[in-house]
């Protein structure tokens, strides 16, 4: 999967596009611009390759020509490892607590409710705003 963002401002420099998780979830290695967050995630998890944030066609072709079948197989496995470690269900409890905190203060017993009940409480809290 290709994520060809240009470095035209801080929004792109620090972007965290959903494509990272969509491609990884599909087992598709990533070819992306070498921007701060993209480079960090792709490098940390070895999900793919990066190219200059202001690339020429020759830069992209050069990266692509260096990719082997073995590289693709390894990156696909790394995509699976990444998605197992960094996905919505892992972050959901923390997000629900944050959303619930937008409403009235919660007691300790309320934050120990089952996840399904916490989802409903968080949605109600946000809808009331």
N, C-alpha and C. Protein backbone atom coordinates (compact mmCIF):
# COMPACT_ATOMS: atom_id res chain seq x y z
N UNK A 1 0.83 -1.17 0.00
CA UNK A 1 0.00 0.00 0.00
C UNK A 1 0.88 1.23 0.00
N UNK A 2 0.46 2.25 -0.67
CA UNK A 2 1.26 3.47 -0.81
C UNK A 2 0.64 4.62 -0.02
N UNK A 3 1.49 5.32 0.73
CA UNK A 3 1.07 6.51 1.47
C UNK A 3 2.03 7.64 1.07
N UNK A 4 1.73 8.34 -0.04
CA UNK A 4 2.65 9.33 -0.60
C UNK A 4 2.36 10.77 -0.14
N UNK A 5 2.48 11.05 1.13
CA UNK A 5 2.22 12.39 1.62
C UNK A 5 3.43 13.29 1.39
N UNK A 6 3.15 14.53 1.03
CA UNK A 6 4.21 15.52 0.87
C UNK A 6 4.44 16.22 2.20
N UNK A 7 5.64 16.66 2.45
CA UNK A 7 5.96 17.39 3.68
C UNK A 7 5.64 18.87 3.46
N UNK A 8 4.35 19.20 3.55
CA UNK A 8 3.91 20.57 3.29
C UNK A 8 3.48 21.29 4.56
N UNK A 9 3.68 20.69 5.70
CA UNK A 9 3.31 21.33 6.95
C UNK A 9 3.31 20.33 8.09
N UNK A 10 3.12 20.84 9.29
CA UNK A 10 3.15 19.99 10.48
C UNK A 10 2.07 18.92 10.46
N UNK A 11 0.91 19.21 9.86
CA UNK A 11 -0.15 18.23 9.78
C UNK A 11 0.33 16.96 9.06
N UNK A 12 1.03 17.14 7.96
CA UNK A 12 1.55 15.97 7.24
C UNK A 12 2.76 15.38 7.95
N UNK A 13 3.63 16.21 8.52
CA UNK A 13 4.83 15.72 9.18
C UNK A 13 4.48 14.75 10.31
N UNK A 14 3.43 15.06 11.08
CA UNK A 14 3.05 14.23 12.23
C UNK A 14 1.83 13.35 11.95
N UNK A 15 1.39 13.24 10.70
CA UNK A 15 0.15 12.52 10.41
C UNK A 15 0.22 11.05 10.81
N UNK A 16 -0.94 10.54 11.14
CA UNK A 16 -1.11 9.14 11.50
C UNK A 16 -2.31 8.60 10.72
N UNK A 17 -2.16 8.40 9.42
CA UNK A 17 -3.31 8.01 8.60
C UNK A 17 -3.82 6.60 8.91
N UNK A 18 -5.13 6.45 8.80
CA UNK A 18 -5.75 5.14 9.01
C UNK A 18 -5.18 4.08 8.07
N UNK A 19 -4.63 4.52 6.95
CA UNK A 19 -4.07 3.58 5.98
C UNK A 19 -3.02 2.66 6.63
N UNK A 20 -2.31 3.15 7.62
CA UNK A 20 -1.30 2.31 8.28
C UNK A 20 -1.97 1.04 8.80
N UNK A 21 -3.08 1.20 9.52
CA UNK A 21 -3.77 0.04 10.11
C UNK A 21 -4.55 -0.73 9.06
N UNK A 22 -5.12 -0.04 8.09
CA UNK A 22 -5.87 -0.73 7.04
C UNK A 22 -4.95 -1.64 6.23
N UNK A 23 -3.82 -1.11 5.79
CA UNK A 23 -2.88 -1.93 5.02
C UNK A 23 -2.33 -3.07 5.87
N UNK A 24 -1.89 -2.76 7.08
CA UNK A 24 -1.32 -3.80 7.95
C UNK A 24 -2.35 -4.88 8.24
N UNK A 25 -3.59 -4.48 8.49
CA UNK A 25 -4.65 -5.46 8.78
C UNK A 25 -4.90 -6.37 7.58
N UNK A 26 -4.69 -5.85 6.38
CA UNK A 26 -4.86 -6.65 5.16
C UNK A 26 -3.58 -7.41 4.81
N UNK A 27 -2.53 -7.24 5.61
CA UNK A 27 -1.26 -7.92 5.33
C UNK A 27 -0.50 -7.31 4.17
N UNK A 28 -0.74 -6.03 3.92
CA UNK A 28 -0.11 -5.34 2.80
C UNK A 28 1.03 -4.47 3.30
N UNK A 29 2.26 -4.78 2.95
CA UNK A 29 3.38 -3.92 3.34
C UNK A 29 3.20 -2.50 2.80
N UNK A 30 3.87 -1.55 3.43
CA UNK A 30 3.65 -0.13 3.14
C UNK A 30 4.87 0.50 2.49
N UNK A 31 4.61 1.33 1.51
CA UNK A 31 5.60 2.18 0.86
C UNK A 31 5.13 3.61 1.11
N UNK A 32 5.88 4.38 1.90
CA UNK A 32 5.37 5.68 2.34
C UNK A 32 6.44 6.76 2.34
N UNK A 33 5.96 7.99 2.34
CA UNK A 33 6.85 9.14 2.49
C UNK A 33 7.55 9.07 3.83
N UNK A 34 8.78 9.53 3.87
CA UNK A 34 9.58 9.50 5.09
C UNK A 34 9.24 10.70 5.96
N UNK A 35 8.04 10.67 6.54
CA UNK A 35 7.59 11.71 7.46
C UNK A 35 7.69 11.17 8.88
N UNK A 36 7.67 12.06 9.85
CA UNK A 36 7.98 11.71 11.24
C UNK A 36 7.27 10.44 11.73
N UNK A 37 5.95 10.47 11.82
CA UNK A 37 5.23 9.34 12.41
C UNK A 37 5.24 8.12 11.50
N UNK A 38 5.02 8.34 10.21
CA UNK A 38 5.05 7.22 9.27
C UNK A 38 6.39 6.49 9.33
N UNK A 39 7.46 7.24 9.30
CA UNK A 39 8.80 6.65 9.35
C UNK A 39 9.02 5.89 10.65
N UNK A 40 8.54 6.46 11.76
CA UNK A 40 8.71 5.82 13.06
C UNK A 40 7.98 4.48 13.13
N UNK A 41 6.72 4.45 12.72
CA UNK A 41 5.93 3.21 12.79
C UNK A 41 6.46 2.17 11.80
N UNK A 42 6.70 2.58 10.58
CA UNK A 42 7.18 1.65 9.57
C UNK A 42 8.55 1.10 9.98
N UNK A 43 9.40 1.96 10.52
CA UNK A 43 10.73 1.51 10.96
C UNK A 43 10.68 0.63 12.19
N UNK A 44 9.89 1.02 13.18
CA UNK A 44 9.82 0.24 14.43
C UNK A 44 9.31 -1.17 14.18
N UNK A 45 8.28 -1.29 13.35
CA UNK A 45 7.65 -2.58 13.11
C UNK A 45 8.14 -3.25 11.84
N UNK A 46 8.98 -2.58 11.08
CA UNK A 46 9.50 -3.10 9.81
C UNK A 46 8.34 -3.51 8.90
N UNK A 47 7.42 -2.57 8.68
CA UNK A 47 6.21 -2.82 7.89
C UNK A 47 6.39 -2.58 6.41
N UNK A 48 7.51 -1.94 6.03
CA UNK A 48 7.66 -1.62 4.62
C UNK A 48 8.87 -0.76 4.37
N UNK A 49 8.71 0.18 3.45
CA UNK A 49 9.81 1.00 2.99
C UNK A 49 9.37 2.46 2.96
N UNK A 50 10.33 3.35 3.09
CA UNK A 50 10.02 4.77 2.99
C UNK A 50 10.87 5.41 1.90
N UNK A 51 10.37 6.51 1.38
CA UNK A 51 11.10 7.28 0.38
C UNK A 51 11.04 8.75 0.78
N UNK A 52 11.84 9.56 0.16
CA UNK A 52 11.92 10.98 0.47
C UNK A 52 10.53 11.61 0.51
N UNK A 53 10.35 12.61 1.36
CA UNK A 53 9.04 13.27 1.43
C UNK A 53 8.82 14.22 0.25
N UNK A 54 9.81 14.38 -0.59
CA UNK A 54 9.70 15.15 -1.82
C UNK A 54 10.34 14.32 -2.94
N UNK A 55 9.74 13.15 -3.24
CA UNK A 55 10.42 12.20 -4.12
C UNK A 55 10.27 12.50 -5.60
N UNK A 56 11.21 12.02 -6.34
CA UNK A 56 11.07 12.00 -7.79
C UNK A 56 10.55 10.60 -8.15
N UNK A 57 10.11 10.45 -9.36
CA UNK A 57 9.67 9.13 -9.82
C UNK A 57 10.83 8.14 -9.69
N UNK A 58 12.03 8.61 -10.00
CA UNK A 58 13.22 7.74 -9.92
C UNK A 58 13.46 7.25 -8.49
N UNK A 59 13.19 8.11 -7.47
CA UNK A 59 13.36 7.70 -6.07
C UNK A 59 12.42 6.55 -5.73
N UNK A 60 11.18 6.67 -6.13
CA UNK A 60 10.18 5.64 -5.81
C UNK A 60 10.50 4.35 -6.56
N UNK A 61 10.85 4.48 -7.84
CA UNK A 61 11.20 3.30 -8.64
C UNK A 61 12.41 2.60 -8.05
N UNK A 62 13.37 3.37 -7.57
CA UNK A 62 14.57 2.79 -6.97
C UNK A 62 14.24 1.94 -5.75
N UNK A 63 13.36 2.46 -4.90
CA UNK A 63 12.94 1.69 -3.72
C UNK A 63 12.22 0.42 -4.16
N UNK A 64 11.31 0.56 -5.11
CA UNK A 64 10.51 -0.58 -5.55
C UNK A 64 11.36 -1.67 -6.21
N UNK A 65 12.36 -1.27 -6.95
CA UNK A 65 13.21 -2.26 -7.63
C UNK A 65 14.03 -3.08 -6.64
N UNK A 66 14.26 -2.54 -5.46
CA UNK A 66 15.04 -3.26 -4.46
C UNK A 66 14.23 -4.25 -3.63
N UNK A 67 12.93 -4.29 -3.83
CA UNK A 67 12.06 -5.16 -3.04
C UNK A 67 12.05 -6.57 -3.63
N UNK A 68 12.32 -7.55 -2.76
CA UNK A 68 12.32 -8.95 -3.19
C UNK A 68 11.09 -9.67 -2.65
N UNK A 69 10.83 -10.85 -3.16
CA UNK A 69 9.72 -11.67 -2.64
C UNK A 69 9.94 -11.99 -1.16
N UNK A 70 11.19 -12.22 -0.79
CA UNK A 70 11.51 -12.52 0.62
C UNK A 70 11.21 -11.31 1.50
N UNK A 71 11.55 -10.11 0.98
CA UNK A 71 11.23 -8.87 1.72
C UNK A 71 9.72 -8.76 1.94
N UNK A 72 8.96 -9.00 0.88
CA UNK A 72 7.50 -8.90 0.99
C UNK A 72 6.95 -9.88 2.01
N UNK A 73 7.44 -11.10 2.00
CA UNK A 73 6.96 -12.12 2.95
C UNK A 73 7.27 -11.70 4.38
N UNK A 74 8.46 -11.19 4.62
CA UNK A 74 8.84 -10.76 5.97
C UNK A 74 7.98 -9.58 6.42
N UNK A 75 7.75 -8.63 5.53
CA UNK A 75 6.95 -7.45 5.89
C UNK A 75 5.49 -7.85 6.15
N UNK A 76 4.99 -8.82 5.40
CA UNK A 76 3.61 -9.28 5.64
C UNK A 76 3.48 -9.86 7.06
N UNK A 77 4.46 -10.64 7.47
CA UNK A 77 4.45 -11.20 8.83
C UNK A 77 4.52 -10.07 9.86
N UNK A 78 5.33 -9.06 9.58
CA UNK A 78 5.45 -7.93 10.50
C UNK A 78 4.14 -7.15 10.58
N UNK A 79 3.41 -7.10 9.48
CA UNK A 79 2.08 -6.45 9.50
C UNK A 79 1.17 -7.18 10.49
N UNK A 80 1.21 -8.49 10.48
CA UNK A 80 0.38 -9.27 11.42
C UNK A 80 0.78 -9.00 12.86
N UNK A 81 2.08 -8.96 13.13
CA UNK A 81 2.56 -8.67 14.49
C UNK A 81 2.10 -7.29 14.94
N UNK A 82 2.22 -6.31 14.05
CA UNK A 82 1.81 -4.94 14.36
C UNK A 82 0.33 -4.87 14.70
N UNK A 83 -0.50 -5.47 13.86
CA UNK A 83 -1.94 -5.36 14.05
C UNK A 83 -2.38 -6.10 15.32
N UNK A 84 -1.66 -7.15 15.72
CA UNK A 84 -1.98 -7.83 16.97
C UNK A 84 -1.62 -6.98 18.19
N UNK A 85 -0.64 -6.13 18.04
CA UNK A 85 -0.17 -5.31 19.16
C UNK A 85 -0.79 -3.92 19.20
N UNK A 86 -1.26 -3.42 18.09
CA UNK A 86 -1.76 -2.05 18.02
C UNK A 86 -3.05 -2.01 17.21
N UNK A 87 -4.16 -2.18 17.92
CA UNK A 87 -5.46 -2.18 17.26
C UNK A 87 -6.50 -1.59 18.19
N UNK A 88 -7.68 -1.31 17.68
CA UNK A 88 -8.69 -0.62 18.47
C UNK A 88 -9.08 -1.35 19.76
N UNK A 89 -9.34 -2.65 19.73
CA UNK A 89 -9.73 -3.31 20.98
C UNK A 89 -8.69 -3.15 22.10
N UNK A 90 -7.44 -3.01 21.77
CA UNK A 90 -6.42 -2.81 22.79
C UNK A 90 -6.56 -1.43 23.43
N UNK A 91 -6.90 -0.43 22.62
CA UNK A 91 -6.99 0.95 23.10
C UNK A 91 -8.39 1.33 23.60
N UNK A 92 -9.40 0.52 23.26
CA UNK A 92 -10.78 0.87 23.58
C UNK A 92 -11.04 1.14 25.06
N UNK A 93 -10.60 0.31 25.99
CA UNK A 93 -10.91 0.60 27.40
C UNK A 93 -10.41 1.98 27.85
N UNK A 94 -9.21 2.33 27.44
CA UNK A 94 -8.66 3.64 27.82
C UNK A 94 -9.47 4.78 27.21
N UNK A 95 -9.85 4.61 25.93
CA UNK A 95 -10.65 5.64 25.28
C UNK A 95 -12.02 5.79 25.94
N UNK A 96 -12.63 4.68 26.29
CA UNK A 96 -13.92 4.74 26.96
C UNK A 96 -13.81 5.49 28.30
N UNK A 97 -12.74 5.23 29.03
CA UNK A 97 -12.53 5.94 30.29
C UNK A 97 -12.36 7.44 30.04
N UNK A 98 -11.64 7.78 28.98
CA UNK A 98 -11.46 9.20 28.66
C UNK A 98 -12.79 9.85 28.29
N UNK A 99 -13.59 9.18 27.45
CA UNK A 99 -14.88 9.72 27.06
C UNK A 99 -15.81 9.84 28.26
N UNK A 100 -15.81 8.82 29.10
CA UNK A 100 -16.66 8.86 30.29
C UNK A 100 -16.25 10.02 31.19
N UNK A 101 -14.96 10.33 31.22
CA UNK A 101 -14.46 11.42 32.03
C UNK A 101 -14.92 12.78 31.55
N UNK A 102 -15.46 12.87 30.35
CA UNK A 102 -15.97 14.14 29.85
C UNK A 102 -17.25 14.55 30.57
N UNK A 103 -17.95 13.56 31.11
CA UNK A 103 -19.18 13.83 31.85
C UNK A 103 -18.87 14.07 33.31
N UNK A 104 -19.82 13.78 34.16
CA UNK A 104 -19.64 13.92 35.60
C UNK A 104 -18.54 12.97 36.07
N UNK A 105 -17.89 13.30 37.17
CA UNK A 105 -16.81 12.44 37.65
C UNK A 105 -17.36 11.07 38.00
N UNK A 106 -16.57 10.07 37.72
CA UNK A 106 -16.98 8.68 37.92
C UNK A 106 -16.32 8.11 39.17
N UNK A 107 -17.02 7.19 39.80
CA UNK A 107 -16.45 6.52 40.96
C UNK A 107 -15.60 5.36 40.50
N UNK A 108 -14.77 4.84 41.36
CA UNK A 108 -13.91 3.71 41.03
C UNK A 108 -14.74 2.51 40.59
N UNK A 109 -15.89 2.28 41.24
CA UNK A 109 -16.70 1.12 40.88
C UNK A 109 -17.25 1.25 39.46
N UNK A 110 -17.52 2.47 39.02
CA UNK A 110 -18.04 2.65 37.66
C UNK A 110 -16.98 2.34 36.61
N UNK A 111 -15.72 2.60 36.88
CA UNK A 111 -14.68 2.32 35.90
C UNK A 111 -14.33 0.84 35.86
N UNK A 112 -14.87 0.05 36.80
CA UNK A 112 -14.63 -1.40 36.79
C UNK A 112 -15.79 -2.16 36.18
N UNK A 113 -16.76 -1.42 35.59
CA UNK A 113 -17.90 -2.07 34.94
C UNK A 113 -17.41 -2.83 33.71
N UNK A 114 -18.21 -3.82 33.28
CA UNK A 114 -17.86 -4.53 32.05
C UNK A 114 -17.75 -3.55 30.87
N UNK A 115 -16.94 -3.92 29.91
CA UNK A 115 -16.66 -3.07 28.77
C UNK A 115 -17.93 -2.63 28.05
N UNK A 116 -18.89 -3.50 27.86
CA UNK A 116 -20.13 -3.17 27.16
C UNK A 116 -20.89 -2.06 27.88
N UNK A 117 -20.96 -2.11 29.21
CA UNK A 117 -21.64 -1.06 29.97
C UNK A 117 -20.88 0.25 29.87
N UNK A 118 -19.55 0.18 29.88
CA UNK A 118 -18.74 1.39 29.79
C UNK A 118 -18.91 2.05 28.42
N UNK A 119 -19.09 1.23 27.36
CA UNK A 119 -19.32 1.79 26.03
C UNK A 119 -20.59 2.64 26.04
N UNK A 120 -21.65 2.08 26.60
CA UNK A 120 -22.92 2.81 26.67
C UNK A 120 -22.81 4.09 27.47
N UNK A 121 -22.13 4.02 28.61
CA UNK A 121 -21.96 5.20 29.45
C UNK A 121 -21.15 6.28 28.75
N UNK A 122 -20.12 5.87 28.03
CA UNK A 122 -19.29 6.85 27.31
C UNK A 122 -20.09 7.52 26.20
N UNK A 123 -20.89 6.74 25.47
CA UNK A 123 -21.70 7.33 24.41
C UNK A 123 -22.72 8.30 24.97
N UNK A 124 -23.38 7.93 26.08
CA UNK A 124 -24.34 8.83 26.71
C UNK A 124 -23.68 10.13 27.14
N UNK A 125 -22.49 10.02 27.72
CA UNK A 125 -21.76 11.20 28.18
C UNK A 125 -21.47 12.15 27.03
N UNK A 126 -21.04 11.60 25.90
CA UNK A 126 -20.70 12.42 24.74
C UNK A 126 -21.95 13.01 24.12
N UNK A 127 -23.03 12.21 24.03
CA UNK A 127 -24.29 12.68 23.43
C UNK A 127 -24.91 13.81 24.23
N UNK A 128 -24.68 13.85 25.53
CA UNK A 128 -25.26 14.90 26.37
C UNK A 128 -24.58 16.25 26.15
N UNK A 129 -23.44 16.26 25.56
CA UNK A 129 -22.69 17.52 25.35
C UNK A 129 -23.21 18.26 24.17
